[in-house]
N, C-alpha and C. Protein backbone atom coordinates (compact mmCIF):
# COMPACT_ATOMS: atom_id res chain seq x y z
N MET A 1 0.84 -1.20 0.00
CA MET A 1 0.00 0.00 0.00
C MET A 1 0.87 1.25 0.00
N ARG A 2 1.92 1.23 0.84
CA ARG A 2 2.80 2.38 0.92
C ARG A 2 3.52 2.60 -0.42
N THR A 3 3.93 1.49 -1.06
CA THR A 3 4.61 1.59 -2.36
C THR A 3 3.69 2.21 -3.40
N PHE A 4 2.42 1.80 -3.38
CA PHE A 4 1.45 2.36 -4.32
C PHE A 4 1.29 3.86 -4.11
N GLN A 5 1.18 4.28 -2.87
CA GLN A 5 1.04 5.71 -2.57
C GLN A 5 2.29 6.49 -2.97
N GLN A 6 3.45 5.87 -2.79
CA GLN A 6 4.69 6.53 -3.20
C GLN A 6 4.74 6.71 -4.71
N ASN A 7 4.26 5.69 -5.43
CA ASN A 7 4.23 5.79 -6.90
C ASN A 7 3.28 6.90 -7.35
N ILE A 8 2.14 6.99 -6.69
CA ILE A 8 1.18 8.05 -7.02
C ILE A 8 1.80 9.42 -6.76
N THR A 9 2.51 9.53 -5.65
CA THR A 9 3.16 10.79 -5.31
C THR A 9 4.20 11.17 -6.36
N ARG A 10 4.97 10.18 -6.81
CA ARG A 10 5.98 10.45 -7.84
C ARG A 10 5.33 10.91 -9.14
N ILE A 11 4.23 10.26 -9.49
CA ILE A 11 3.52 10.65 -10.72
C ILE A 11 3.01 12.08 -10.62
N GLU A 12 2.46 12.43 -9.46
CA GLU A 12 1.96 13.79 -9.27
C GLU A 12 3.09 14.81 -9.34
N ARG A 13 4.23 14.47 -8.75
CA ARG A 13 5.37 15.38 -8.81
C ARG A 13 5.84 15.58 -10.25
N LEU A 14 5.88 14.47 -11.00
CA LEU A 14 6.30 14.55 -12.40
C LEU A 14 5.32 15.39 -13.20
N ARG A 15 4.04 15.19 -12.95
CA ARG A 15 3.02 15.93 -13.68
C ARG A 15 3.11 17.42 -13.39
N ASN A 16 3.45 17.75 -12.18
CA ASN A 16 3.51 19.16 -11.77
C ASN A 16 4.90 19.77 -11.93
N SER A 17 5.86 19.01 -12.44
CA SER A 17 7.21 19.54 -12.58
C SER A 17 7.24 20.66 -13.61
N VAL A 18 8.13 21.59 -13.37
CA VAL A 18 8.24 22.76 -14.24
C VAL A 18 8.59 22.34 -15.67
N THR A 19 9.56 21.44 -15.80
CA THR A 19 10.01 21.04 -17.13
C THR A 19 8.89 20.39 -17.93
N LEU A 20 8.12 19.52 -17.28
CA LEU A 20 7.04 18.84 -17.99
C LEU A 20 5.97 19.83 -18.43
N GLN A 21 5.67 20.80 -17.59
CA GLN A 21 4.68 21.81 -17.96
C GLN A 21 5.17 22.65 -19.14
N ILE A 22 6.47 22.93 -19.17
CA ILE A 22 7.03 23.70 -20.28
C ILE A 22 6.99 22.87 -21.56
N ILE A 23 7.37 21.60 -21.46
CA ILE A 23 7.41 20.74 -22.64
C ILE A 23 6.03 20.57 -23.25
N SER A 24 5.00 20.54 -22.42
CA SER A 24 3.64 20.34 -22.94
C SER A 24 3.21 21.47 -23.86
N THR A 25 3.63 22.70 -23.58
CA THR A 25 3.30 23.80 -24.48
C THR A 25 4.33 23.92 -25.60
N ALA A 26 5.59 23.59 -25.32
CA ALA A 26 6.60 23.61 -26.38
C ALA A 26 6.29 22.58 -27.46
N ALA A 27 5.58 21.51 -27.08
CA ALA A 27 5.21 20.50 -28.07
C ALA A 27 4.31 21.08 -29.16
N LEU A 28 3.50 22.06 -28.80
CA LEU A 28 2.64 22.71 -29.80
C LEU A 28 3.50 23.48 -30.81
N ILE A 29 4.55 24.10 -30.32
CA ILE A 29 5.49 24.79 -31.21
C ILE A 29 6.19 23.77 -32.10
N PHE A 30 6.54 22.63 -31.54
CA PHE A 30 7.18 21.58 -32.34
C PHE A 30 6.27 21.15 -33.49
N VAL A 31 5.00 20.95 -33.21
CA VAL A 31 4.06 20.54 -34.25
C VAL A 31 4.01 21.57 -35.37
N CYS A 32 3.89 22.84 -35.00
CA CYS A 32 3.81 23.91 -35.99
C CYS A 32 5.07 23.96 -36.86
N TYR A 33 6.22 23.92 -36.24
CA TYR A 33 7.46 24.03 -37.00
C TYR A 33 7.82 22.75 -37.73
N PHE A 34 7.31 21.63 -37.28
CA PHE A 34 7.48 20.38 -38.02
C PHE A 34 6.73 20.47 -39.35
N ILE A 35 5.53 21.03 -39.30
CA ILE A 35 4.76 21.26 -40.52
C ILE A 35 5.51 22.21 -41.45
N ILE A 36 6.06 23.27 -40.88
CA ILE A 36 6.85 24.21 -41.68
C ILE A 36 8.03 23.50 -42.34
N GLY A 37 8.73 22.66 -41.58
CA GLY A 37 9.86 21.93 -42.12
C GLY A 37 9.46 20.97 -43.24
N LEU A 38 8.34 20.27 -43.05
CA LEU A 38 7.85 19.36 -44.08
C LEU A 38 7.67 20.09 -45.41
N GLN A 39 7.05 21.26 -45.35
CA GLN A 39 6.71 21.99 -46.57
C GLN A 39 7.91 22.75 -47.13
N LEU A 40 8.72 23.29 -46.25
CA LEU A 40 9.83 24.14 -46.68
C LEU A 40 10.77 23.42 -47.63
N ALA A 41 10.99 22.15 -47.41
CA ALA A 41 11.96 21.40 -48.20
C ALA A 41 11.49 21.12 -49.62
N VAL A 42 10.18 21.14 -49.85
CA VAL A 42 9.66 20.72 -51.15
C VAL A 42 9.06 21.85 -51.98
N VAL A 43 8.77 22.98 -51.37
CA VAL A 43 8.13 24.07 -52.10
C VAL A 43 8.96 24.57 -53.28
N PRO A 44 10.26 24.84 -53.13
CA PRO A 44 11.02 25.38 -54.27
C PRO A 44 11.02 24.46 -55.49
N THR A 45 11.26 23.17 -55.26
CA THR A 45 11.30 22.24 -56.39
C THR A 45 9.92 22.04 -57.00
N PHE A 46 8.88 22.07 -56.17
CA PHE A 46 7.53 21.93 -56.69
C PHE A 46 7.18 23.09 -57.62
N VAL A 47 7.46 24.30 -57.18
CA VAL A 47 7.13 25.48 -57.99
C VAL A 47 7.99 25.53 -59.25
N HIS A 48 9.27 25.23 -59.11
CA HIS A 48 10.19 25.37 -60.25
C HIS A 48 10.12 24.19 -61.22
N LEU A 49 10.13 22.97 -60.69
CA LEU A 49 10.20 21.80 -61.56
C LEU A 49 8.84 21.24 -61.94
N GLU A 50 7.91 21.21 -61.01
CA GLU A 50 6.60 20.63 -61.29
C GLU A 50 5.65 21.62 -61.97
N LEU A 51 5.62 22.85 -61.45
CA LEU A 51 4.73 23.85 -62.03
C LEU A 51 5.39 24.61 -63.18
N GLY A 52 6.71 24.58 -63.24
CA GLY A 52 7.41 25.18 -64.36
C GLY A 52 7.67 26.66 -64.26
N TYR A 53 7.62 27.21 -63.06
CA TYR A 53 7.88 28.64 -62.89
C TYR A 53 9.35 28.89 -62.59
N ASN A 54 9.76 30.15 -62.76
CA ASN A 54 11.18 30.48 -62.59
C ASN A 54 11.56 30.52 -61.11
N PRO A 55 12.86 30.52 -60.82
CA PRO A 55 13.32 30.50 -59.43
C PRO A 55 12.84 31.69 -58.60
N VAL A 56 12.56 32.82 -59.25
CA VAL A 56 12.08 33.99 -58.50
C VAL A 56 10.73 33.69 -57.86
N LEU A 57 9.84 33.07 -58.63
CA LEU A 57 8.53 32.72 -58.08
C LEU A 57 8.64 31.61 -57.04
N ALA A 58 9.60 30.73 -57.24
CA ALA A 58 9.84 29.70 -56.22
C ALA A 58 10.28 30.35 -54.91
N GLY A 59 11.14 31.36 -55.02
CA GLY A 59 11.55 32.10 -53.83
C GLY A 59 10.41 32.87 -53.21
N LEU A 60 9.52 33.41 -54.05
CA LEU A 60 8.35 34.13 -53.54
C LEU A 60 7.45 33.20 -52.73
N ALA A 61 7.30 31.98 -53.21
CA ALA A 61 6.47 31.01 -52.49
C ALA A 61 7.05 30.71 -51.12
N ILE A 62 8.37 30.70 -51.02
CA ILE A 62 9.02 30.49 -49.72
C ILE A 62 8.83 31.70 -48.82
N SER A 63 9.12 32.88 -49.36
CA SER A 63 9.12 34.10 -48.53
C SER A 63 7.72 34.54 -48.12
N ALA A 64 6.68 34.09 -48.83
CA ALA A 64 5.31 34.50 -48.50
C ALA A 64 4.97 34.15 -47.05
N GLN A 65 5.41 32.99 -46.61
CA GLN A 65 5.14 32.59 -45.23
C GLN A 65 5.77 33.55 -44.24
N TYR A 66 6.99 33.94 -44.50
CA TYR A 66 7.72 34.77 -43.54
C TYR A 66 7.24 36.21 -43.56
N VAL A 67 6.76 36.67 -44.71
CA VAL A 67 6.13 37.99 -44.76
C VAL A 67 4.87 37.99 -43.90
N ALA A 68 4.08 36.91 -44.02
CA ALA A 68 2.87 36.80 -43.21
C ALA A 68 3.20 36.71 -41.73
N THR A 69 4.24 35.97 -41.39
CA THR A 69 4.65 35.85 -39.99
C THR A 69 5.09 37.20 -39.43
N LEU A 70 5.92 37.89 -40.19
CA LEU A 70 6.43 39.19 -39.74
C LEU A 70 5.31 40.19 -39.53
N SER A 71 4.37 40.24 -40.46
CA SER A 71 3.31 41.24 -40.39
C SER A 71 2.25 40.90 -39.35
N SER A 72 2.13 39.63 -38.99
CA SER A 72 1.06 39.22 -38.07
C SER A 72 1.53 39.03 -36.64
N ARG A 73 2.81 39.11 -36.37
CA ARG A 73 3.29 38.93 -34.99
C ARG A 73 2.65 39.92 -34.01
N PRO A 74 2.57 41.22 -34.35
CA PRO A 74 1.91 42.14 -33.41
C PRO A 74 0.46 41.76 -33.14
N ILE A 75 -0.23 41.29 -34.18
CA ILE A 75 -1.63 40.87 -34.03
C ILE A 75 -1.70 39.66 -33.11
N ALA A 76 -0.78 38.72 -33.29
CA ALA A 76 -0.77 37.52 -32.44
C ALA A 76 -0.52 37.89 -30.98
N GLY A 77 0.35 38.87 -30.76
CA GLY A 77 0.61 39.31 -29.39
C GLY A 77 -0.61 39.94 -28.75
N ARG A 78 -1.30 40.78 -29.51
CA ARG A 78 -2.52 41.40 -28.98
C ARG A 78 -3.60 40.35 -28.73
N MET A 79 -3.66 39.36 -29.61
CA MET A 79 -4.64 38.30 -29.44
C MET A 79 -4.37 37.50 -28.17
N ALA A 80 -3.10 37.19 -27.92
CA ALA A 80 -2.75 36.45 -26.70
C ALA A 80 -3.10 37.25 -25.46
N ASP A 81 -2.94 38.57 -25.52
CA ASP A 81 -3.27 39.43 -24.38
C ASP A 81 -4.77 39.56 -24.18
N SER A 82 -5.52 39.59 -25.28
CA SER A 82 -6.95 39.88 -25.18
C SER A 82 -7.81 38.64 -24.95
N VAL A 83 -7.54 37.55 -25.66
CA VAL A 83 -8.38 36.36 -25.53
C VAL A 83 -7.69 35.22 -24.80
N GLY A 84 -6.42 35.38 -24.49
CA GLY A 84 -5.69 34.35 -23.77
C GLY A 84 -4.72 33.61 -24.66
N SER A 85 -3.61 33.22 -24.09
CA SER A 85 -2.55 32.57 -24.86
C SER A 85 -2.96 31.18 -25.34
N LYS A 86 -3.74 30.46 -24.55
CA LYS A 86 -4.19 29.13 -24.96
C LYS A 86 -5.06 29.21 -26.19
N ARG A 87 -5.98 30.15 -26.20
CA ARG A 87 -6.86 30.31 -27.36
C ARG A 87 -6.08 30.79 -28.58
N ALA A 88 -5.09 31.64 -28.35
CA ALA A 88 -4.26 32.12 -29.47
C ALA A 88 -3.50 30.96 -30.11
N ALA A 89 -2.89 30.13 -29.28
CA ALA A 89 -2.15 28.98 -29.80
C ALA A 89 -3.07 28.00 -30.52
N SER A 90 -4.24 27.77 -29.94
CA SER A 90 -5.20 26.84 -30.56
C SER A 90 -5.70 27.38 -31.89
N SER A 91 -5.97 28.68 -31.94
CA SER A 91 -6.41 29.29 -33.20
C SER A 91 -5.32 29.16 -34.26
N GLY A 92 -4.07 29.35 -33.85
CA GLY A 92 -2.96 29.20 -34.78
C GLY A 92 -2.89 27.81 -35.37
N LEU A 93 -3.16 26.80 -34.56
CA LEU A 93 -3.13 25.42 -35.05
C LEU A 93 -4.27 25.16 -36.03
N LEU A 94 -5.41 25.79 -35.81
CA LEU A 94 -6.50 25.67 -36.78
C LEU A 94 -6.14 26.33 -38.10
N ILE A 95 -5.45 27.46 -38.02
CA ILE A 95 -4.99 28.12 -39.24
C ILE A 95 -3.98 27.24 -39.97
N CYS A 96 -3.11 26.57 -39.22
CA CYS A 96 -2.17 25.63 -39.83
C CYS A 96 -2.91 24.47 -40.50
N THR A 97 -4.03 24.07 -39.92
CA THR A 97 -4.86 23.03 -40.54
C THR A 97 -5.36 23.48 -41.90
N ALA A 98 -5.86 24.72 -41.95
CA ALA A 98 -6.33 25.27 -43.23
C ALA A 98 -5.19 25.37 -44.23
N SER A 99 -4.01 25.74 -43.75
CA SER A 99 -2.84 25.81 -44.62
C SER A 99 -2.53 24.44 -45.22
N GLY A 100 -2.59 23.41 -44.40
CA GLY A 100 -2.34 22.06 -44.90
C GLY A 100 -3.33 21.63 -45.95
N PHE A 101 -4.60 22.02 -45.76
CA PHE A 101 -5.63 21.69 -46.75
C PHE A 101 -5.32 22.35 -48.09
N PHE A 102 -4.97 23.63 -48.07
CA PHE A 102 -4.64 24.32 -49.31
C PHE A 102 -3.36 23.76 -49.94
N PHE A 103 -2.43 23.33 -49.10
CA PHE A 103 -1.21 22.72 -49.63
C PHE A 103 -1.54 21.43 -50.36
N PHE A 104 -2.41 20.63 -49.77
CA PHE A 104 -2.88 19.40 -50.42
C PHE A 104 -3.58 19.72 -51.73
N LEU A 105 -4.45 20.73 -51.69
CA LEU A 105 -5.20 21.11 -52.89
C LEU A 105 -4.26 21.59 -54.00
N SER A 106 -3.22 22.31 -53.64
CA SER A 106 -2.25 22.78 -54.62
C SER A 106 -1.61 21.62 -55.37
N GLY A 107 -1.27 20.57 -54.65
CA GLY A 107 -0.70 19.39 -55.31
C GLY A 107 -1.72 18.66 -56.16
N TRP A 108 -2.96 18.68 -55.73
CA TRP A 108 -4.02 17.97 -56.44
C TRP A 108 -4.33 18.61 -57.79
N ILE A 109 -4.18 19.94 -57.88
CA ILE A 109 -4.51 20.65 -59.12
C ILE A 109 -3.25 21.12 -59.84
N GLU A 110 -2.15 20.43 -59.66
CA GLU A 110 -0.90 20.87 -60.28
C GLU A 110 -0.96 20.83 -61.81
N HIS A 111 -1.96 20.15 -62.38
CA HIS A 111 -2.13 20.17 -63.83
C HIS A 111 -2.50 21.56 -64.34
N ASP A 112 -2.96 22.43 -63.44
CA ASP A 112 -3.23 23.83 -63.76
C ASP A 112 -2.22 24.68 -62.98
N PRO A 113 -1.07 24.98 -63.58
CA PRO A 113 0.02 25.62 -62.83
C PRO A 113 -0.35 26.94 -62.17
N LEU A 114 -1.12 27.78 -62.85
CA LEU A 114 -1.46 29.08 -62.27
C LEU A 114 -2.35 28.91 -61.05
N ALA A 115 -3.38 28.09 -61.17
CA ALA A 115 -4.28 27.86 -60.04
C ALA A 115 -3.53 27.20 -58.88
N SER A 116 -2.67 26.25 -59.21
CA SER A 116 -1.90 25.57 -58.18
C SER A 116 -0.98 26.53 -57.43
N LEU A 117 -0.33 27.43 -58.18
CA LEU A 117 0.55 28.41 -57.54
C LEU A 117 -0.23 29.35 -56.63
N CYS A 118 -1.39 29.81 -57.09
CA CYS A 118 -2.20 30.73 -56.28
C CYS A 118 -2.66 30.06 -54.99
N VAL A 119 -3.09 28.81 -55.10
CA VAL A 119 -3.52 28.07 -53.91
C VAL A 119 -2.34 27.83 -52.98
N LEU A 120 -1.18 27.55 -53.55
CA LEU A 120 0.02 27.35 -52.74
C LEU A 120 0.40 28.61 -51.98
N LEU A 121 0.31 29.76 -52.65
CA LEU A 121 0.61 31.02 -51.98
C LEU A 121 -0.36 31.27 -50.83
N MET A 122 -1.64 30.92 -51.03
CA MET A 122 -2.61 31.04 -49.94
C MET A 122 -2.21 30.14 -48.76
N SER A 123 -1.78 28.93 -49.08
CA SER A 123 -1.33 28.01 -48.04
C SER A 123 -0.15 28.58 -47.27
N ARG A 124 0.80 29.16 -47.99
CA ARG A 124 1.99 29.71 -47.36
C ARG A 124 1.65 30.91 -46.46
N LEU A 125 0.76 31.76 -46.93
CA LEU A 125 0.35 32.91 -46.13
C LEU A 125 -0.36 32.46 -44.85
N LEU A 126 -1.23 31.47 -44.98
CA LEU A 126 -1.93 30.96 -43.80
C LEU A 126 -0.95 30.32 -42.82
N LEU A 127 0.04 29.62 -43.35
CA LEU A 127 1.02 28.99 -42.46
C LEU A 127 1.80 30.04 -41.68
N GLY A 128 2.10 31.17 -42.33
CA GLY A 128 2.77 32.26 -41.63
C GLY A 128 1.92 32.84 -40.52
N LEU A 129 0.62 33.00 -40.80
CA LEU A 129 -0.29 33.50 -39.76
C LEU A 129 -0.39 32.50 -38.60
N GLY A 130 -0.50 31.23 -38.95
CA GLY A 130 -0.59 30.21 -37.91
C GLY A 130 0.67 30.15 -37.06
N GLU A 131 1.82 30.28 -37.71
CA GLU A 131 3.09 30.27 -36.98
C GLU A 131 3.14 31.38 -35.94
N SER A 132 2.70 32.57 -36.31
CA SER A 132 2.70 33.69 -35.37
C SER A 132 1.88 33.38 -34.13
N SER A 133 0.68 32.88 -34.35
CA SER A 133 -0.23 32.63 -33.23
C SER A 133 0.25 31.48 -32.35
N VAL A 134 0.75 30.42 -32.98
CA VAL A 134 1.21 29.27 -32.20
C VAL A 134 2.46 29.62 -31.40
N ALA A 135 3.45 30.22 -32.06
CA ALA A 135 4.71 30.52 -31.38
C ALA A 135 4.51 31.52 -30.25
N THR A 136 3.74 32.58 -30.53
CA THR A 136 3.50 33.59 -29.50
C THR A 136 2.62 33.04 -28.39
N GLY A 137 1.50 32.42 -28.78
CA GLY A 137 0.56 31.92 -27.79
C GLY A 137 1.15 30.84 -26.90
N ALA A 138 1.85 29.87 -27.49
CA ALA A 138 2.40 28.77 -26.70
C ALA A 138 3.51 29.24 -25.77
N THR A 139 4.31 30.19 -26.23
CA THR A 139 5.38 30.71 -25.37
C THR A 139 4.82 31.47 -24.18
N VAL A 140 3.87 32.35 -24.44
CA VAL A 140 3.25 33.11 -23.35
C VAL A 140 2.49 32.17 -22.41
N TRP A 141 1.83 31.19 -22.99
CA TRP A 141 1.11 30.20 -22.20
C TRP A 141 2.07 29.44 -21.28
N GLY A 142 3.21 29.04 -21.83
CA GLY A 142 4.20 28.34 -21.02
C GLY A 142 4.69 29.18 -19.86
N ILE A 143 4.93 30.46 -20.11
CA ILE A 143 5.37 31.36 -19.03
C ILE A 143 4.28 31.49 -17.98
N GLY A 144 3.04 31.58 -18.44
CA GLY A 144 1.93 31.69 -17.50
C GLY A 144 1.76 30.45 -16.63
N ARG A 145 2.09 29.29 -17.17
CA ARG A 145 1.94 28.04 -16.42
C ARG A 145 3.01 27.87 -15.35
N VAL A 146 4.23 28.31 -15.63
CA VAL A 146 5.33 28.04 -14.70
C VAL A 146 5.84 29.29 -13.99
N GLY A 147 5.32 30.46 -14.36
CA GLY A 147 5.72 31.69 -13.69
C GLY A 147 6.85 32.41 -14.39
N ALA A 148 6.90 33.71 -14.18
CA ALA A 148 7.90 34.55 -14.84
C ALA A 148 9.33 34.19 -14.45
N ALA A 149 9.49 33.59 -13.28
CA ALA A 149 10.83 33.21 -12.83
C ALA A 149 11.47 32.16 -13.73
N ASN A 150 10.63 31.45 -14.49
CA ASN A 150 11.13 30.39 -15.38
C ASN A 150 11.04 30.79 -16.86
N THR A 151 10.98 32.09 -17.11
CA THR A 151 10.86 32.58 -18.49
C THR A 151 11.98 32.07 -19.39
N ALA A 152 13.20 32.10 -18.89
CA ALA A 152 14.35 31.68 -19.71
C ALA A 152 14.22 30.22 -20.12
N GLN A 153 13.73 29.38 -19.22
CA GLN A 153 13.54 27.97 -19.56
C GLN A 153 12.49 27.80 -20.64
N VAL A 154 11.41 28.56 -20.54
CA VAL A 154 10.34 28.48 -21.54
C VAL A 154 10.87 28.88 -22.91
N ILE A 155 11.61 29.98 -22.96
CA ILE A 155 12.17 30.45 -24.23
C ILE A 155 13.16 29.43 -24.79
N SER A 156 13.97 28.84 -23.92
CA SER A 156 14.94 27.84 -24.37
C SER A 156 14.24 26.63 -24.97
N TRP A 157 13.22 26.13 -24.30
CA TRP A 157 12.50 24.97 -24.82
C TRP A 157 11.74 25.31 -26.09
N SER A 158 11.25 26.54 -26.19
CA SER A 158 10.59 26.96 -27.43
C SER A 158 11.56 26.94 -28.60
N GLY A 159 12.79 27.38 -28.35
CA GLY A 159 13.82 27.34 -29.39
C GLY A 159 14.19 25.92 -29.78
N ILE A 160 14.33 25.06 -28.77
CA ILE A 160 14.63 23.65 -29.04
C ILE A 160 13.53 23.03 -29.90
N ALA A 161 12.28 23.33 -29.54
CA ALA A 161 11.15 22.76 -30.27
C ALA A 161 11.11 23.24 -31.71
N SER A 162 11.32 24.53 -31.92
CA SER A 162 11.20 25.08 -33.28
C SER A 162 12.34 24.61 -34.18
N TYR A 163 13.58 24.76 -33.73
CA TYR A 163 14.70 24.38 -34.59
C TYR A 163 14.83 22.86 -34.72
N GLY A 164 14.50 22.15 -33.66
CA GLY A 164 14.50 20.69 -33.74
C GLY A 164 13.48 20.18 -34.74
N ALA A 165 12.30 20.80 -34.73
CA ALA A 165 11.24 20.39 -35.65
C ALA A 165 11.61 20.67 -37.09
N LEU A 166 12.23 21.82 -37.34
CA LEU A 166 12.68 22.14 -38.70
C LEU A 166 13.72 21.13 -39.18
N ALA A 167 14.65 20.78 -38.29
CA ALA A 167 15.71 19.84 -38.65
C ALA A 167 15.15 18.46 -38.97
N VAL A 168 14.13 18.04 -38.24
CA VAL A 168 13.54 16.73 -38.46
C VAL A 168 12.56 16.76 -39.63
N GLY A 169 11.80 17.83 -39.73
CA GLY A 169 10.74 17.90 -40.73
C GLY A 169 11.22 17.97 -42.16
N ALA A 170 12.31 18.69 -42.41
CA ALA A 170 12.78 18.89 -43.78
C ALA A 170 13.14 17.58 -44.49
N PRO A 171 13.98 16.72 -43.92
CA PRO A 171 14.29 15.47 -44.63
C PRO A 171 13.09 14.54 -44.76
N ILE A 172 12.22 14.55 -43.76
CA ILE A 172 11.02 13.73 -43.85
C ILE A 172 10.12 14.24 -44.98
N GLY A 173 10.02 15.56 -45.11
CA GLY A 173 9.23 16.13 -46.20
C GLY A 173 9.76 15.73 -47.56
N LEU A 174 11.07 15.78 -47.73
CA LEU A 174 11.67 15.36 -49.01
C LEU A 174 11.40 13.89 -49.29
N TRP A 175 11.52 13.05 -48.28
CA TRP A 175 11.27 11.62 -48.46
C TRP A 175 9.81 11.36 -48.84
N LEU A 176 8.90 12.03 -48.18
CA LEU A 176 7.48 11.85 -48.48
C LEU A 176 7.16 12.31 -49.90
N GLU A 177 7.71 13.45 -50.29
CA GLU A 177 7.43 13.99 -51.62
C GLU A 177 7.95 13.06 -52.72
N ARG A 178 9.12 12.51 -52.52
CA ARG A 178 9.71 11.64 -53.54
C ARG A 178 9.00 10.30 -53.64
N ASN A 179 8.43 9.83 -52.54
CA ASN A 179 7.82 8.50 -52.53
C ASN A 179 6.30 8.52 -52.69
N PHE A 180 5.66 9.60 -52.26
CA PHE A 180 4.20 9.62 -52.27
C PHE A 180 3.59 10.84 -52.95
N GLY A 181 4.39 11.85 -53.24
CA GLY A 181 3.86 13.06 -53.85
C GLY A 181 3.62 14.15 -52.83
N ILE A 182 3.49 15.36 -53.33
CA ILE A 182 3.39 16.52 -52.45
C ILE A 182 2.07 16.57 -51.69
N GLY A 183 1.03 15.94 -52.25
CA GLY A 183 -0.27 15.96 -51.58
C GLY A 183 -0.25 15.31 -50.22
N VAL A 184 0.59 14.29 -50.05
CA VAL A 184 0.69 13.59 -48.77
C VAL A 184 1.19 14.53 -47.68
N ILE A 185 2.07 15.45 -48.05
CA ILE A 185 2.58 16.41 -47.07
C ILE A 185 1.46 17.32 -46.59
N GLY A 186 0.60 17.75 -47.51
CA GLY A 186 -0.55 18.56 -47.11
C GLY A 186 -1.48 17.80 -46.19
N ALA A 187 -1.76 16.54 -46.54
CA ALA A 187 -2.66 15.73 -45.71
C ALA A 187 -2.06 15.50 -44.32
N LEU A 188 -0.76 15.21 -44.27
CA LEU A 188 -0.11 15.01 -42.97
C LEU A 188 -0.12 16.30 -42.16
N SER A 189 0.04 17.42 -42.82
CA SER A 189 -0.01 18.72 -42.13
C SER A 189 -1.36 18.93 -41.46
N VAL A 190 -2.43 18.55 -42.15
CA VAL A 190 -3.77 18.68 -41.58
C VAL A 190 -3.91 17.81 -40.34
N VAL A 191 -3.48 16.56 -40.45
CA VAL A 191 -3.59 15.63 -39.32
C VAL A 191 -2.79 16.11 -38.11
N LEU A 192 -1.56 16.56 -38.36
CA LEU A 192 -0.71 17.02 -37.27
C LEU A 192 -1.26 18.26 -36.60
N ALA A 193 -1.73 19.21 -37.41
CA ALA A 193 -2.26 20.45 -36.85
C ALA A 193 -3.52 20.20 -36.03
N LEU A 194 -4.39 19.33 -36.54
CA LEU A 194 -5.60 19.00 -35.78
C LEU A 194 -5.24 18.26 -34.49
N GLY A 195 -4.27 17.37 -34.57
CA GLY A 195 -3.81 16.69 -33.36
C GLY A 195 -3.27 17.67 -32.34
N GLY A 196 -2.51 18.66 -32.81
CA GLY A 196 -2.01 19.69 -31.91
C GLY A 196 -3.12 20.52 -31.30
N PHE A 197 -4.14 20.80 -32.11
CA PHE A 197 -5.28 21.59 -31.61
C PHE A 197 -5.99 20.86 -30.47
N PHE A 198 -6.31 19.60 -30.68
CA PHE A 198 -6.99 18.85 -29.63
C PHE A 198 -6.07 18.61 -28.43
N GLY A 199 -4.78 18.45 -28.71
CA GLY A 199 -3.83 18.31 -27.62
C GLY A 199 -3.75 19.56 -26.76
N ALA A 200 -3.85 20.72 -27.41
CA ALA A 200 -3.79 21.99 -26.68
C ALA A 200 -4.95 22.10 -25.69
N TRP A 201 -6.12 21.68 -26.11
CA TRP A 201 -7.27 21.79 -25.22
C TRP A 201 -7.27 20.74 -24.12
N ALA A 202 -6.41 19.73 -24.29
CA ALA A 202 -6.30 18.70 -23.25
C ALA A 202 -5.31 19.10 -22.16
N ILE A 203 -4.51 20.15 -22.41
CA ILE A 203 -3.53 20.60 -21.42
C ILE A 203 -4.22 21.36 -20.29
């Protein structure tokens, strides 16, 4: 009986540990940036080789996401302050879901290069918006869960999650594109983003 109670106590301590609480919100950032990594590796070749556009437009398709991220960061910050960081992060994951759908659609209609490129640009813009909300919301949420005294740890784990996800996502994206086509990346993005959304509400 005493051993059982000790095990329960250990589980409760682990559940309430600062690191575990930080990782639970950093995982949402990992999901978002894993999706970014999946797509980032294949967009240039898709636009240039599959759709037949020049490298400038391929670069535009890449930079569209970052333009959207840069311009929407202030909005994401205000959203986290006004409606709460959890809702901001969750909304960002829903936006990433929409981005994945448009990414899938872009691959599905690649026989029409202009339409495919336009849909792809929409996907990239949405992904940039989603990135802003997830990164800002999850980071602020993590700080709120563990207190301002642990801000540095939250920021560190957020960085680990984002760069780690990019490093893992890019080669997986290339492998998926070569073996199954670009549409699979869009479908996987939808599944991952929805999983992150429901996971966020379970925290």
